[in-house]
Amino acid sequence: MPKIASLFAGAGGLDLGFEKAGFSTVWANEYDKTIWDTFEYNFPHAKLDRRSITNVSPEEIPDVEGIIGGPPCQSWSEAGARRGIEDHRGQLFYDYIRILKIKQPKFFLVENVVGILHPKHSKAFSGFLKEFEDAGYIISWKLLDAHDYSVPENRLRVIIIGYRKDLGKKFEFPEPHNYKPTLKDAIYDLRFAQPAKDKNKTNGELEIPNHEYMNGGFSTIYMSRNRVRSWDEPSFTIQAGGRHAPLHPQAPKMLFVAQNKRVFVPGKESLYRRLSVRECARIQTFPDTFIFKYFDIADGYKMIGNAVPVNLALAVAEQIKKDLY
């Protein structure tokens, strides 16, 4: 079973997809303490390094066949300030490259948000690609929509994959799947979620793990757009902030009032609730056996919203397995 190391592992969406394809995560790095319990619970066989990646020496990482990971995306996000490489989080790309140059695995994978392709970041993005090439890799990259790979969600992400040059191969992205799942396929069998406790704390153990949703009002920014997708559609992108979670498809679509202003359908207000943590996990194609550990429900949404959809990771990992093993 080919071994991999996972940088910026988060909750482990990439890792789970690779493990389903027959790889094994033996070492992972994650600096956010609110994620540690979740990762260690679901990947008990992997050694979790809890330090900042900037303090990790390549020699401390075991020899592996591949390195995977998504350096923090907030620096490149279209929703953020797009500070890019000027943000210390954007510079963490270089720590990935630093480790890659020394470890020289057969392959690597980097995932990031579509915002990294913004013209403002073109010089930085081109620079990253050249650094990867200079590290000894044949590079492929593409903007993918997770919905094309059996994920019930529209989610655009940039995937960069490199094969070590001595292997003489170049990664070709898999063709989109015929199966394009909807919200009905993903969450229709889930019933009656629990509202979070006071101050949006978890209810603890539930019959369906993590099937609880965030309470609280909706900002004017949130109410500027329709936030409801129907049962026969894929979900909106699951984001890292619980307050921005899409609304459950039991509710009718929000009514347009004026530019950047929508309202709930009068008389139907009780139907409008955020998707639960478990519903978001289902949409990101995590199985129900994957348990998210948290006290603040916001941390559950954060882990899921920052994750790579498992089925997208699986599709890419299967292609890598086919090419190299």
C-alpha atoms as a PDB file:
ATOM      1  CA  MET A   1       0.000   0.000   0.000  1.00  0.00           C
ATOM      2  CA  PRO A   2       1.691   3.273  -1.124  1.00  0.00           C
ATOM      3  CA  LYS A   3       2.372   5.635   1.775  1.00  0.00           C
ATOM      4  CA  ILE A   4       1.617   9.347   1.715  1.00  0.00           C
ATOM      5  CA  ALA A   5       2.311  12.380   3.876  1.00  0.00           C
ATOM      6  CA  SER A   6      -0.387  15.010   4.285  1.00  0.00           C
ATOM      7  CA  LEU A   7       0.483  18.690   4.759  1.00  0.00           C
ATOM      8  CA  PHE A   8      -2.184  21.151   5.997  1.00  0.00           C
ATOM      9  CA  ALA A   9      -4.287  18.026   6.529  1.00  0.00           C
ATOM     10  CA  GLY A  10      -7.379  19.639   8.056  1.00  0.00           C
ATOM     11  CA  ALA A  11     -10.070  17.087   8.843  1.00  0.00           C
ATOM     12  CA  GLY A  12      -8.715  14.759   6.149  1.00  0.00           C
ATOM     13  CA  GLY A  13     -10.962  14.917   3.080  1.00  0.00           C
ATOM     14  CA  LEU A  14      -7.993  14.448   0.753  1.00  0.00           C
ATOM     15  CA  ASP A  15      -6.605  11.693   2.953  1.00  0.00           C
ATOM     16  CA  LEU A  16      -9.871   9.769   3.024  1.00  0.00           C
ATOM     17  CA  GLY A  17     -10.195   9.937  -0.760  1.00  0.00           C
ATOM     18  CA  PHE A  18      -6.636   8.643  -1.172  1.00  0.00           C
ATOM     19  CA  GLU A  19      -7.186   5.891   1.382  1.00  0.00           C
ATOM     20  CA  LYS A  20     -10.311   4.763  -0.479  1.00  0.00           C
ATOM     21  CA  ALA A  21      -8.092   4.495  -3.577  1.00  0.00           C
ATOM     22  CA  GLY A  22      -5.616   2.260  -1.750  1.00  0.00           C
ATOM     23  CA  PHE A  23      -3.071   4.692  -0.294  1.00  0.00           C
ATOM     24  CA  SER A  24      -2.238   5.076   3.393  1.00  0.00           C
ATOM     25  CA  THR A  25      -1.569   8.326   5.236  1.00  0.00           C
ATOM     26  CA  VAL A  26       1.314   7.577   7.604  1.00  0.00           C
ATOM     27  CA  TRP A  27       2.203  11.149   8.636  1.00  0.00           C
ATOM     28  CA  ALA A  28       0.188  14.364   8.669  1.00  0.00           C
ATOM     29  CA  ASN A  29       0.688  17.951   9.758  1.00  0.00           C
ATOM     30  CA  GLU A  30      -2.045  20.253  11.096  1.00  0.00           C
ATOM     31  CA  TYR A  31      -1.511  23.355  13.217  1.00  0.00           C
ATOM     32  CA  ASP A  32      -5.158  24.148  14.142  1.00  0.00           C
ATOM     33  CA  LYS A  33      -5.845  22.625  17.541  1.00  0.00           C
ATOM     34  CA  THR A  34      -9.617  22.557  16.957  1.00  0.00           C
ATOM     35  CA  ILE A  35      -9.024  19.897  14.276  1.00  0.00           C
ATOM     36  CA  TRP A  36      -6.626  17.544  16.070  1.00  0.00           C
ATOM     37  CA  ASP A  37      -9.241  15.370  17.788  1.00  0.00           C
ATOM     38  CA  THR A  38     -11.184  14.861  14.558  1.00  0.00           C
ATOM     39  CA  PHE A  39      -8.151  13.883  12.509  1.00  0.00           C
ATOM     40  CA  GLU A  40      -6.732  11.533  15.121  1.00  0.00           C
ATOM     41  CA  TYR A  41     -10.107   9.865  15.708  1.00  0.00           C
ATOM     42  CA  ASN A  42     -10.619   9.135  12.010  1.00  0.00           C
ATOM     43  CA  PHE A  43      -6.987   8.366  11.108  1.00  0.00           C
ATOM     44  CA  PRO A  44      -5.640   6.526  14.191  1.00  0.00           C
ATOM     45  CA  HIS A  45      -2.868   4.915  12.128  1.00  0.00           C
ATOM     46  CA  ALA A  46      -1.338   8.254  11.042  1.00  0.00           C
ATOM     47  CA  LYS A  47       1.176  10.177  13.122  1.00  0.00           C
ATOM     48  CA  LEU A  48      -0.120  13.748  13.513  1.00  0.00           C
ATOM     49  CA  ASP A  49       2.503  16.498  13.793  1.00  0.00           C
ATOM     50  CA  ARG A  50       0.844  19.466  15.503  1.00  0.00           C
ATOM     51  CA  ARG A  51       3.495  22.119  14.851  1.00  0.00           C
ATOM     52  CA  SER A  52       3.423  24.939  12.354  1.00  0.00           C
ATOM     53  CA  ILE A  53       4.743  23.618   9.052  1.00  0.00           C
ATOM     54  CA  THR A  54       7.390  26.370   9.174  1.00  0.00           C
ATOM     55  CA  ASN A  55       9.012  24.505  12.074  1.00  0.00           C
ATOM     56  CA  VAL A  56       8.976  21.075  10.427  1.00  0.00           C
ATOM     57  CA  SER A  57      12.222  19.778   8.950  1.00  0.00           C
ATOM     58  CA  PRO A  58      11.914  17.456   5.912  1.00  0.00           C
ATOM     59  CA  GLU A  59      14.121  14.951   7.732  1.00  0.00           C
ATOM     60  CA  GLU A  60      11.378  14.553  10.363  1.00  0.00           C
ATOM     61  CA  ILE A  61       8.896  13.333   7.752  1.00  0.00           C
ATOM     62  CA  PRO A  62       9.058   9.619   6.885  1.00  0.00           C
ATOM     63  CA  ASP A  63       9.911   8.601   3.336  1.00  0.00           C
ATOM     64  CA  VAL A  64       6.679   8.369   1.367  1.00  0.00           C
ATOM     65  CA  GLU A  65       5.452   7.748  -2.177  1.00  0.00           C
ATOM     66  CA  GLY A  66       3.438  10.953  -2.331  1.00  0.00           C
ATOM     67  CA  ILE A  67       2.809  14.280  -0.610  1.00  0.00           C
ATOM     68  CA  ILE A  68      -0.659  15.811  -0.647  1.00  0.00           C
ATOM     69  CA  GLY A  69      -2.177  18.958   0.830  1.00  0.00           C
ATOM     70  CA  GLY A  70      -3.850  22.296   0.363  1.00  0.00           C
ATOM     71  CA  PRO A  71      -1.924  25.274   1.747  1.00  0.00           C
ATOM     72  CA  PRO A  72      -4.322  27.728   3.476  1.00  0.00           C
ATOM     73  CA  CYS A  73      -6.616  29.287   0.913  1.00  0.00           C
ATOM     74  CA  GLN A  74      -7.771  32.449   2.709  1.00  0.00           C
ATOM     75  CA  SER A  75      -4.996  34.479   1.056  1.00  0.00           C
ATOM     76  CA  TRP A  76      -6.356  33.686  -2.399  1.00  0.00           C
ATOM     77  CA  SER A  77     -10.085  33.505  -1.650  1.00  0.00           C
ATOM     78  CA  GLU A  78     -12.480  35.558  -3.764  1.00  0.00           C
ATOM     79  CA  ALA A  79     -14.454  36.199  -0.589  1.00  0.00           C
ATOM     80  CA  GLY A  80     -11.450  37.643   1.216  1.00  0.00           C
ATOM     81  CA  ALA A  81      -8.970  40.443   0.684  1.00  0.00           C
ATOM     82  CA  ARG A  82      -6.990  38.467  -1.908  1.00  0.00           C
ATOM     83  CA  ARG A  83      -3.688  39.466  -0.336  1.00  0.00           C
ATOM     84  CA  GLY A  84      -2.111  36.388  -1.863  1.00  0.00           C
ATOM     85  CA  ILE A  85       1.617  36.016  -1.476  1.00  0.00           C
ATOM     86  CA  GLU A  86       1.753  39.173   0.659  1.00  0.00           C
ATOM     87  CA  ASP A  87      -0.130  37.254   3.351  1.00  0.00           C
ATOM     88  CA  HIS A  88       2.000  34.958   5.541  1.00  0.00           C
ATOM     89  CA  ARG A  89      -0.576  32.228   4.899  1.00  0.00           C
ATOM     90  CA  GLY A  90       0.043  32.566   1.157  1.00  0.00           C
ATOM     91  CA  GLN A  91       3.751  32.119   1.799  1.00  0.00           C
ATOM     92  CA  LEU A  92       3.102  28.674   3.290  1.00  0.00           C
ATOM     93  CA  PHE A  93       3.161  27.449  -0.314  1.00  0.00           C
ATOM     94  CA  TYR A  94       6.924  27.808  -0.065  1.00  0.00           C
ATOM     95  CA  ASP A  95       7.061  25.481   2.922  1.00  0.00           C
ATOM     96  CA  TYR A  96       5.286  22.868   0.836  1.00  0.00           C
ATOM     97  CA  ILE A  97       7.890  23.358  -1.911  1.00  0.00           C
ATOM     98  CA  ARG A  98      10.757  23.331   0.601  1.00  0.00           C
ATOM     99  CA  ILE A  99       9.693  19.905   1.861  1.00  0.00           C
ATOM    100  CA  LEU A 100       8.978  18.575  -1.626  1.00  0.00           C
ATOM    101  CA  LYS A 101      12.477  19.449  -2.876  1.00  0.00           C
ATOM    102  CA  ILE A 102      14.120  17.402  -0.139  1.00  0.00           C
ATOM    103  CA  LYS A 103      11.708  14.466   0.120  1.00  0.00           C
ATOM    104  CA  GLN A 104      11.349  13.893  -3.669  1.00  0.00           C
ATOM    105  CA  PRO A 105       8.299  11.578  -3.551  1.00  0.00           C
ATOM    106  CA  LYS A 106       7.006  10.030  -6.773  1.00  0.00           C
ATOM    107  CA  PHE A 107       4.100  12.479  -6.887  1.00  0.00           C
ATOM    108  CA  PHE A 108       2.532  15.443  -5.151  1.00  0.00           C
ATOM    109  CA  LEU A 109      -0.892  17.084  -5.122  1.00  0.00           C
ATOM    110  CA  VAL A 110      -1.808  20.654  -4.189  1.00  0.00           C
ATOM    111  CA  GLU A 111      -5.415  21.874  -3.927  1.00  0.00           C
ATOM    112  CA  ASN A 112      -6.500  25.500  -3.726  1.00  0.00           C
ATOM    113  CA  VAL A 113      -9.366  27.886  -4.374  1.00  0.00           C
ATOM    114  CA  VAL A 114     -10.263  29.374  -7.736  1.00  0.00           C
ATOM    115  CA  GLY A 115      -9.170  32.787  -6.459  1.00  0.00           C
ATOM    116  CA  ILE A 116      -5.529  31.806  -6.955  1.00  0.00           C
ATOM    117  CA  LEU A 117      -6.188  32.163 -10.705  1.00  0.00           C
ATOM    118  CA  HIS A 118      -7.238  35.803 -10.332  1.00  0.00           C
ATOM    119  CA  PRO A 119      -5.095  38.079 -12.553  1.00  0.00           C
ATOM    120  CA  LYS A 120      -3.793  39.783  -9.417  1.00  0.00           C
ATOM    121  CA  HIS A 121      -2.073  36.522  -8.453  1.00  0.00           C
ATOM    122  CA  SER A 122      -0.863  35.425 -11.900  1.00  0.00           C
ATOM    123  CA  LYS A 123       2.789  36.176 -11.162  1.00  0.00           C
ATOM    124  CA  ALA A 124       2.680  34.259  -7.863  1.00  0.00           C
ATOM    125  CA  PHE A 125       0.844  31.301  -9.418  1.00  0.00           C
ATOM    126  CA  SER A 126       3.289  31.089 -12.337  1.00  0.00           C
ATOM    127  CA  GLY A 127       6.100  31.287  -9.800  1.00  0.00           C
ATOM    128  CA  PHE A 128       4.719  28.340  -7.859  1.00  0.00           C
ATOM    129  CA  LEU A 129       4.438  26.227 -11.017  1.00  0.00           C
ATOM    130  CA  LYS A 130       8.053  27.018 -11.940  1.00  0.00           C
ATOM    131  CA  GLU A 131       9.211  26.134  -8.420  1.00  0.00           C
ATOM    132  CA  PHE A 132       7.464  22.782  -8.703  1.00  0.00           C
ATOM    133  CA  GLU A 133       9.131  22.154 -12.068  1.00  0.00           C
ATOM    134  CA  ASP A 134      12.520  23.180 -10.701  1.00  0.00           C
ATOM    135  CA  ALA A 135      11.989  20.725  -7.831  1.00  0.00           C
ATOM    136  CA  GLY A 136      12.036  17.966 -10.443  1.00  0.00           C
ATOM    137  CA  TYR A 137       8.405  17.412 -11.439  1.00  0.00           C
ATOM    138  CA  ILE A 138       6.290  17.280 -14.595  1.00  0.00           C
ATOM    139  CA  ILE A 139       3.311  19.473 -13.744  1.00  0.00           C
ATOM    140  CA  SER A 140      -0.387  19.256 -14.622  1.00  0.00           C
ATOM    141  CA  TRP A 141      -3.020  21.618 -13.291  1.00  0.00           C
ATOM    142  CA  LYS A 142      -6.695  22.234 -13.905  1.00  0.00           C
ATOM    143  CA  LEU A 143      -9.725  24.051 -12.507  1.00  0.00           C
ATOM    144  CA  LEU A 144     -12.259  21.369 -11.577  1.00  0.00           C
ATOM    145  CA  ASP A 145     -15.882  21.452 -10.458  1.00  0.00           C
ATOM    146  CA  ALA A 146     -16.373  18.785  -7.805  1.00  0.00           C
ATOM    147  CA  HIS A 147     -19.882  18.161  -9.164  1.00  0.00           C
ATOM    148  CA  ASP A 148     -18.255  16.521 -12.190  1.00  0.00           C
ATOM    149  CA  TYR A 149     -16.795  13.863  -9.892  1.00  0.00           C
ATOM    150  CA  SER A 150     -19.844  12.478  -8.065  1.00  0.00           C
ATOM    151  CA  VAL A 151     -20.038  15.293  -5.501  1.00  0.00           C
ATOM    152  CA  PRO A 152     -23.540  16.820  -4.921  1.00  0.00           C
ATOM    153  CA  GLU A 153     -22.153  20.349  -4.874  1.00  0.00           C
ATOM    154  CA  ASN A 154     -20.887  23.034  -7.222  1.00  0.00           C
ATOM    155  CA  ARG A 155     -17.347  23.603  -5.963  1.00  0.00           C
ATOM    156  CA  LEU A 156     -14.589  25.034  -8.151  1.00  0.00           C
ATOM    157  CA  ARG A 157     -11.053  24.157  -7.051  1.00  0.00           C
ATOM    158  CA  VAL A 158      -7.605  24.283  -8.631  1.00  0.00           C
ATOM    159  CA  ILE A 159      -5.733  20.971  -8.513  1.00  0.00           C
ATOM    160  CA  ILE A 160      -1.983  20.838  -9.233  1.00  0.00           C
ATOM    161  CA  ILE A 161      -0.339  17.426  -9.610  1.00  0.00           C
ATOM    162  CA  GLY A 162       3.292  16.635 -10.296  1.00  0.00           C
ATOM    163  CA  TYR A 163       5.002  13.376 -11.248  1.00  0.00           C
ATOM    164  CA  ARG A 164       8.734  13.125 -10.630  1.00  0.00           C
ATOM    165  CA  LYS A 165      10.548  13.635 -13.940  1.00  0.00           C
ATOM    166  CA  ASP A 166      12.472  10.358 -13.839  1.00  0.00           C
ATOM    167  CA  LEU A 167       9.145   8.475 -14.022  1.00  0.00           C
ATOM    168  CA  GLY A 168       8.606   9.857 -17.524  1.00  0.00           C
ATOM    169  CA  LYS A 169       4.860  10.318 -17.053  1.00  0.00           C
ATOM    170  CA  LYS A 170       2.455  13.245 -16.965  1.00  0.00           C
ATOM    171  CA  PHE A 171      -0.811  13.226 -15.032  1.00  0.00           C
ATOM    172  CA  GLU A 172      -3.944  13.453 -17.185  1.00  0.00           C
ATOM    173  CA  PHE A 173      -7.079  14.542 -15.333  1.00  0.00           C
ATOM    174  CA  PRO A 174      -9.884  11.964 -15.295  1.00  0.00           C
ATOM    175  CA  GLU A 175     -12.943  12.562 -17.437  1.00  0.00           C
ATOM    176  CA  PRO A 176     -16.033  13.916 -15.657  1.00  0.00           C
ATOM    177  CA  HIS A 177     -18.330  11.237 -14.253  1.00  0.00           C
ATOM    178  CA  ASN A 178     -21.762  10.550 -15.706  1.00  0.00           C
ATOM    179  CA  TYR A 179     -23.271  10.551 -12.214  1.00  0.00           C
ATOM    180  CA  LYS A 180     -24.102  14.116 -11.154  1.00  0.00           C
ATOM    181  CA  PRO A 181     -25.733  13.785  -7.714  1.00  0.00           C
ATOM    182  CA  THR A 182     -28.244  16.228  -6.269  1.00  0.00           C
ATOM    183  CA  LEU A 183     -29.234  17.321  -2.780  1.00  0.00           C
ATOM    184  CA  LYS A 184     -31.946  14.669  -2.831  1.00  0.00           C
ATOM    185  CA  ASP A 185     -29.339  11.982  -3.467  1.00  0.00           C
ATOM    186  CA  ALA A 186     -27.162  13.293  -0.642  1.00  0.00           C
ATOM    187  CA  ILE A 187     -29.409  14.226   2.263  1.00  0.00           C
ATOM    188  CA  TYR A 188     -33.044  13.317   1.587  1.00  0.00           C
ATOM    189  CA  ASP A 189     -32.907  10.346   3.953  1.00  0.00           C
ATOM    190  CA  LEU A 190     -31.751  12.553   6.831  1.00  0.00           C
ATOM    191  CA  ARG A 191     -34.608  13.794   8.967  1.00  0.00           C
ATOM    192  CA  PHE A 192     -35.160  16.485  11.604  1.00  0.00           C
ATOM    193  CA  ALA A 193     -31.845  17.950  12.584  1.00  0.00           C
ATOM    194  CA  GLN A 194     -31.261  19.326  16.074  1.00  0.00           C
ATOM    195  CA  PRO A 195     -30.660  23.029  16.586  1.00  0.00           C
ATOM    196  CA  ALA A 196     -27.379  23.749  18.366  1.00  0.00           C
ATOM    197  CA  LYS A 197     -27.477  24.473  22.071  1.00  0.00           C
ATOM    198  CA  ASP A 198     -27.148  27.959  23.579  1.00  0.00           C
ATOM    199  CA  LYS A 199     -24.247  29.974  22.100  1.00  0.00           C
ATOM    200  CA  ASN A 200     -24.097  27.404  19.289  1.00  0.00           C
ATOM    201  CA  LYS A 201     -22.530  24.679  21.401  1.00  0.00           C
ATOM    202  CA  THR A 202     -22.840  21.054  20.364  1.00  0.00           C
ATOM    203  CA  ASN A 203     -25.618  18.757  21.570  1.00  0.00           C
ATOM    204  CA  GLY A 204     -23.003  16.050  22.084  1.00  0.00           C
ATOM    205  CA  GLU A 205     -23.698  12.542  20.853  1.00  0.00           C
ATOM    206  CA  LEU A 206     -26.692  12.324  18.538  1.00  0.00           C
ATOM    207  CA  GLU A 207     -28.417   9.358  16.881  1.00  0.00           C
ATOM    208  CA  ILE A 208     -27.055  10.646  13.577  1.00  0.00           C
ATOM    209  CA  PRO A 209     -23.607  12.032  14.464  1.00  0.00           C
ATOM    210  CA  ASN A 210     -23.152  15.795  13.966  1.00  0.00           C
ATOM    211  CA  HIS A 211     -26.723  16.236  12.687  1.00  0.00           C
ATOM    212  CA  GLU A 212     -27.173  19.682  14.275  1.00  0.00           C
ATOM    213  CA  TYR A 213     -27.328  23.160  12.802  1.00  0.00           C
ATOM    214  CA  MET A 214     -26.231  26.658  13.744  1.00  0.00           C
ATOM    215  CA  ASN A 215     -28.787  29.096  15.151  1.00  0.00           C
ATOM    216  CA  GLY A 216     -28.750  32.859  14.786  1.00  0.00           C
ATOM    217  CA  GLY A 217     -29.776  35.598  12.402  1.00  0.00           C
ATOM    218  CA  PHE A 218     -28.764  36.132   8.794  1.00  0.00           C
ATOM    219  CA  SER A 219     -26.621  39.083   7.749  1.00  0.00           C
ATOM    220  CA  THR A 220     -27.585  41.559   5.022  1.00  0.00           C
ATOM    221  CA  ILE A 221     -24.802  40.061   2.907  1.00  0.00           C
ATOM    222  CA  TYR A 222     -26.318  36.614   3.364  1.00  0.00           C
ATOM    223  CA  MET A 223     -29.779  37.952   2.472  1.00  0.00           C
ATOM    224  CA  SER A 224     -28.435  39.612  -0.690  1.00  0.00           C
ATOM    225  CA  ARG A 225     -28.604  36.312  -2.593  1.00  0.00           C
ATOM    226  CA  ASN A 226     -30.842  33.288  -2.826  1.00  0.00           C
ATOM    227  CA  ARG A 227     -29.345  30.692  -0.469  1.00  0.00           C
ATOM    228  CA  VAL A 228     -31.719  27.812  -1.263  1.00  0.00           C
ATOM    229  CA  ARG A 229     -31.091  25.132  -3.831  1.00  0.00           C
ATOM    230  CA  SER A 230     -33.900  22.698  -4.668  1.00  0.00           C
ATOM    231  CA  TRP A 231     -33.833  18.954  -4.036  1.00  0.00           C
ATOM    232  CA  ASP A 232     -33.100  18.275  -7.710  1.00  0.00           C
ATOM    233  CA  GLU A 233     -30.048  20.563  -7.794  1.00  0.00           C
ATOM    234  CA  PRO A 234     -26.520  20.247  -6.404  1.00  0.00           C
ATOM    235  CA  SER A 235     -25.705  22.284  -3.315  1.00  0.00           C
ATOM    236  CA  PHE A 236     -24.089  25.669  -3.314  1.00  0.00           C
ATOM    237  CA  THR A 237     -20.423  25.504  -2.278  1.00  0.00           C
ATOM    238  CA  ILE A 238     -20.082  24.496   1.366  1.00  0.00           C
ATOM    239  CA  GLN A 239     -18.057  27.255   3.021  1.00  0.00           C
ATOM    240  CA  ALA A 240     -15.971  27.211   6.184  1.00  0.00           C
ATOM    241  CA  GLY A 241     -18.245  29.576   8.118  1.00  0.00           C
ATOM    242  CA  GLY A 242     -21.380  28.110   9.638  1.00  0.00           C
ATOM    243  CA  ARG A 243     -23.246  31.399   9.338  1.00  0.00           C
ATOM    244  CA  HIS A 244     -22.787  31.147   5.574  1.00  0.00           C
ATOM    245  CA  ALA A 245     -24.079  27.574   5.311  1.00  0.00           C
ATOM    246  CA  PRO A 246     -26.700  27.099   2.575  1.00  0.00           C
ATOM    247  CA  LEU A 247     -30.328  26.734   3.598  1.00  0.00           C
ATOM    248  CA  HIS A 248     -32.109  23.388   3.648  1.00  0.00           C
ATOM    249  CA  PRO A 249     -33.985  22.519   0.416  1.00  0.00           C
ATOM    250  CA  GLN A 250     -37.247  22.020   2.357  1.00  0.00           C
ATOM    251  CA  ALA A 251     -37.663  25.816   2.053  1.00  0.00           C
ATOM    252  CA  PRO A 252     -38.791  27.616  -1.108  1.00  0.00           C
ATOM    253  CA  LYS A 253     -36.229  29.758  -2.883  1.00  0.00           C
ATOM    254  CA  MET A 254     -35.861  33.251  -1.464  1.00  0.00           C
ATOM    255  CA  LEU A 255     -37.801  36.063  -3.099  1.00  0.00           C
ATOM    256  CA  PHE A 256     -36.082  38.865  -5.004  1.00  0.00           C
ATOM    257  CA  VAL A 257     -37.032  42.274  -3.582  1.00  0.00           C
ATOM    258  CA  ALA A 258     -34.391  44.599  -4.968  1.00  0.00           C
ATOM    259  CA  GLN A 259     -30.788  44.531  -6.129  1.00  0.00           C
ATOM    260  CA  ASN A 260     -28.797  42.641  -3.449  1.00  0.00           C
ATOM    261  CA  LYS A 261     -31.877  42.085  -1.317  1.00  0.00           C
ATOM    262  CA  ARG A 262     -33.963  38.956  -0.903  1.00  0.00           C
ATOM    263  CA  VAL A 263     -36.441  37.779   1.716  1.00  0.00           C
ATOM    264  CA  PHE A 264     -37.897  34.515   2.961  1.00  0.00           C
ATOM    265  CA  VAL A 265     -41.293  33.614   1.492  1.00  0.00           C
ATOM    266  CA  PRO A 266     -43.945  35.050   3.861  1.00  0.00           C
ATOM    267  CA  GLY A 267     -45.665  32.364   5.895  1.00  0.00           C
ATOM    268  CA  LYS A 268     -42.863  29.862   5.213  1.00  0.00           C
ATOM    269  CA  GLU A 269     -40.241  31.375   7.501  1.00  0.00           C
ATOM    270  CA  SER A 270     -40.131  28.301   9.749  1.00  0.00           C
ATOM    271  CA  LEU A 271     -38.779  26.202   6.865  1.00  0.00           C
ATOM    272  CA  TYR A 272     -35.606  28.234   6.540  1.00  0.00           C
ATOM    273  CA  ARG A 273     -32.748  26.696   8.486  1.00  0.00           C
ATOM    274  CA  ARG A 274     -29.080  26.210   7.773  1.00  0.00           C
ATOM    275  CA  LEU A 275     -27.897  22.804   6.642  1.00  0.00           C
ATOM    276  CA  SER A 276     -26.659  20.750   9.580  1.00  0.00           C
ATOM    277  CA  VAL A 277     -23.011  19.835  10.083  1.00  0.00           C
ATOM    278  CA  ARG A 278     -23.787  16.264   8.993  1.00  0.00           C
ATOM    279  CA  GLU A 279     -25.709  17.438   5.929  1.00  0.00           C
ATOM    280  CA  CYS A 280     -22.714  19.555   4.926  1.00  0.00           C
ATOM    281  CA  ALA A 281     -20.480  16.531   5.505  1.00  0.00           C
ATOM    282  CA  ARG A 282     -22.725  14.368   3.290  1.00  0.00           C
ATOM    283  CA  ILE A 283     -22.566  17.038   0.577  1.00  0.00           C
ATOM    284  CA  GLN A 284     -18.762  16.973   0.856  1.00  0.00           C
ATOM    285  CA  THR A 285     -19.105  13.152   0.490  1.00  0.00           C
ATOM    286  CA  PHE A 286     -17.835  12.234   3.954  1.00  0.00           C
ATOM    287  CA  PRO A 287     -19.442   8.984   5.150  1.00  0.00           C
ATOM    288  CA  ASP A 288     -21.570   9.011   8.299  1.00  0.00           C
ATOM    289  CA  THR A 289     -18.884   6.901   9.984  1.00  0.00           C
ATOM    290  CA  PHE A 290     -16.535   9.900   9.797  1.00  0.00           C
ATOM    291  CA  ILE A 291     -17.105  11.727  13.091  1.00  0.00           C
ATOM    292  CA  PHE A 292     -16.342  15.409  13.612  1.00  0.00           C
ATOM    293  CA  LYS A 293     -15.218  16.287  17.138  1.00  0.00           C
ATOM    294  CA  TYR A 294     -15.970  19.789  18.442  1.00  0.00           C
ATOM    295  CA  PHE A 295     -17.584  21.798  21.239  1.00  0.00           C
ATOM    296  CA  ASP A 296     -18.413  24.876  19.176  1.00  0.00           C
ATOM    297  CA  ILE A 297     -20.578  23.949  16.233  1.00  0.00           C
ATOM    298  CA  ALA A 298     -18.738  26.577  14.153  1.00  0.00           C
ATOM    299  CA  ASP A 299     -15.662  24.342  14.260  1.00  0.00           C
ATOM    300  CA  GLY A 300     -17.624  21.513  12.661  1.00  0.00           C
ATOM    301  CA  TYR A 301     -18.658  23.710   9.742  1.00  0.00           C
ATOM    302  CA  LYS A 302     -15.108  25.054   9.444  1.00  0.00           C
ATOM    303  CA  MET A 303     -13.529  21.616   9.136  1.00  0.00           C
ATOM    304  CA  ILE A 304     -16.021  20.487   6.518  1.00  0.00           C
ATOM    305  CA  GLY A 305     -15.987  23.715   4.521  1.00  0.00           C
ATOM    306  CA  ASN A 306     -12.190  23.693   4.308  1.00  0.00           C
ATOM    307  CA  ALA A 307     -12.034  20.040   3.264  1.00  0.00           C
ATOM    308  CA  VAL A 308     -11.559  18.592  -0.201  1.00  0.00           C
ATOM    309  CA  PRO A 309     -14.654  16.562  -1.139  1.00  0.00           C
ATOM    310  CA  VAL A 310     -13.820  12.908  -0.592  1.00  0.00           C
ATOM    311  CA  ASN A 311     -15.149  11.766  -3.980  1.00  0.00           C
ATOM    312  CA  LEU A 312     -13.106  14.394  -5.817  1.00  0.00           C
ATOM    313  CA  ALA A 313      -9.977  13.255  -3.983  1.00  0.00           C
ATOM    314  CA  LEU A 314     -10.859   9.641  -4.772  1.00  0.00           C
ATOM    315  CA  ALA A 315     -11.224  10.297  -8.518  1.00  0.00           C
ATOM    316  CA  VAL A 316      -7.813  11.963  -8.694  1.00  0.00           C
ATOM    317  CA  ALA A 317      -6.154   9.365  -6.434  1.00  0.00           C
ATOM    318  CA  GLU A 318      -7.477   6.494  -8.537  1.00  0.00           C
ATOM    319  CA  GLN A 319      -5.880   8.045 -11.621  1.00  0.00           C
ATOM    320  CA  ILE A 320      -2.545   8.449  -9.813  1.00  0.00           C
ATOM    321  CA  LYS A 321      -2.736   4.809  -8.638  1.00  0.00           C
ATOM    322  CA  LYS A 322      -3.422   3.674 -12.188  1.00  0.00           C
ATOM    323  CA  ASP A 323      -0.510   5.692 -13.587  1.00  0.00           C
ATOM    324  CA  LEU A 324       2.156   4.827 -11.044  1.00  0.00           C
ATOM    325  CA  TYR A 325       1.263   1.448  -9.520  1.00  0.00           C
END
